[in-house]
Amino acid sequence: MAVTHLAAYDVTEDQRRAQLAALLQAFGDRIQYSVFLLNTTPEELEHIKTRAAEIIDEDTDSLWIIRQCAGCWNDVSCIGQAAPPARVLHYAVL
């Protein structure tokens, strides 16, 4: 089952920053320059963490990945050009 996570990074070097952004973009949506909403399975999240650890320099860079519960999104406030992500309904025909 997919879970929503908020990922935010601070990477000092351009090439590493671009690699990390591409990795996160593959699994979610950019909501700020260095902040992404990820909707991943546990296996995908582990892949992201493993690959990110290979990309970043742990002495100078940081990556925060924070799990977001459904209740958290019921109380989202957006100001200015910000907009909460659209809810996508998925249907299964049995």
Protein backbone atom coordinates (compact mmCIF):
# COMPACT_ATOMS: atom_id res chain seq x y z
CA MET A 1 0.00 0.00 0.00
CA ALA A 2 1.35 3.41 -0.95
CA VAL A 3 2.00 5.97 1.76
CA THR A 4 2.58 9.72 1.40
CA HIS A 5 5.90 11.15 2.56
CA LEU A 6 7.26 14.67 2.50
CA ALA A 7 10.89 14.79 1.32
CA ALA A 8 13.05 17.91 1.68
CA TYR A 9 16.72 18.21 0.83
CA ASP A 10 19.62 20.62 1.14
CA VAL A 11 22.43 19.57 -1.21
CA THR A 12 25.43 21.81 -1.78
CA GLU A 13 26.76 20.51 -5.11
CA ASP A 14 24.81 20.98 -8.37
CA GLN A 15 25.33 17.50 -9.84
CA ARG A 16 24.33 15.69 -6.65
CA ARG A 17 21.36 18.05 -6.25
CA ALA A 18 20.18 17.29 -9.79
CA GLN A 19 20.56 13.54 -9.26
CA LEU A 20 18.61 13.62 -6.01
CA ALA A 21 15.88 15.82 -7.51
CA ALA A 22 15.52 13.41 -10.45
CA LEU A 23 15.25 10.47 -8.06
CA LEU A 24 12.54 12.15 -5.98
CA GLN A 25 10.71 13.42 -9.08
CA ALA A 26 10.43 9.82 -10.31
CA PHE A 27 8.39 8.94 -7.23
CA GLY A 28 6.43 12.11 -6.52
CA ASP A 29 5.62 15.73 -7.18
CA ARG A 30 7.78 18.77 -6.52
CA ILE A 31 5.86 21.24 -4.33
CA GLN A 32 8.78 23.62 -3.67
CA TYR A 33 12.26 23.84 -5.15
CA SER A 34 13.73 21.26 -2.77
CA VAL A 35 10.54 19.70 -1.37
CA PHE A 36 8.63 16.74 -2.81
CA LEU A 37 5.48 14.80 -1.98
CA LEU A 38 6.15 11.13 -2.49
CA ASN A 39 3.48 8.45 -2.76
CA THR A 40 5.41 5.21 -2.41
CA THR A 41 5.20 1.61 -1.36
CA PRO A 42 7.55 0.51 1.44
CA GLU A 43 9.81 -1.12 -1.16
CA GLU A 44 9.98 2.07 -3.24
CA LEU A 45 10.75 4.12 -0.14
CA GLU A 46 13.64 1.80 0.75
CA HIS A 47 14.95 2.15 -2.82
CA ILE A 48 14.80 5.95 -2.51
CA LYS A 49 16.66 5.89 0.82
CA THR A 50 19.34 3.52 -0.50
CA ARG A 51 19.88 5.49 -3.71
CA ALA A 52 19.82 8.85 -1.89
CA ALA A 53 22.51 7.63 0.51
CA GLU A 54 24.68 6.87 -2.53
CA ILE A 55 24.08 10.35 -3.99
CA ILE A 56 24.45 12.74 -1.07
CA ASP A 57 27.57 13.69 0.86
CA GLU A 58 26.59 12.99 4.45
CA ASP A 59 29.11 15.56 5.71
CA THR A 60 27.56 18.50 3.85
CA ASP A 61 24.09 17.48 2.57
CA SER A 62 20.81 16.49 4.18
CA LEU A 63 17.60 14.74 3.21
CA TRP A 64 14.52 14.63 5.41
CA ILE A 65 11.78 12.09 4.66
CA ILE A 66 8.69 12.51 6.83
CA ARG A 67 5.67 10.20 6.76
CA GLN A 68 2.36 12.01 6.34
CA CYS A 69 -0.83 10.49 7.74
CA ALA A 70 -4.25 10.99 6.18
CA GLY A 71 -5.27 13.17 9.13
CA CYS A 72 -2.35 15.50 8.44
CA TRP A 73 -3.76 16.28 5.01
CA ASN A 74 -7.21 17.09 6.35
CA ASP A 75 -5.74 20.25 7.92
CA VAL A 76 -3.43 21.53 5.16
CA SER A 77 -3.27 25.31 4.71
CA CYS A 78 -1.88 26.84 1.53
CA ILE A 79 -1.24 30.56 1.08
CA GLY A 80 -0.34 32.38 -2.11
CA GLN A 81 0.42 30.30 -5.18
CA ALA A 82 0.63 27.12 -3.15
CA ALA A 83 -2.08 24.53 -3.65
CA PRO A 84 -2.58 21.20 -1.96
CA PRO A 85 -2.14 18.22 -4.25
CA ALA A 86 -5.31 17.06 -5.93
CA ARG A 87 -6.80 13.91 -4.51
CA VAL A 88 -6.76 11.18 -7.10
CA LEU A 89 -9.41 8.54 -6.74
CA HIS A 90 -8.54 5.04 -7.87
CA TYR A 91 -11.25 2.57 -8.70
CA ALA A 92 -11.01 -1.19 -8.86
CA VAL A 93 -13.54 -3.33 -10.68
CA LEU A 94 -13.92 -6.71 -9.09
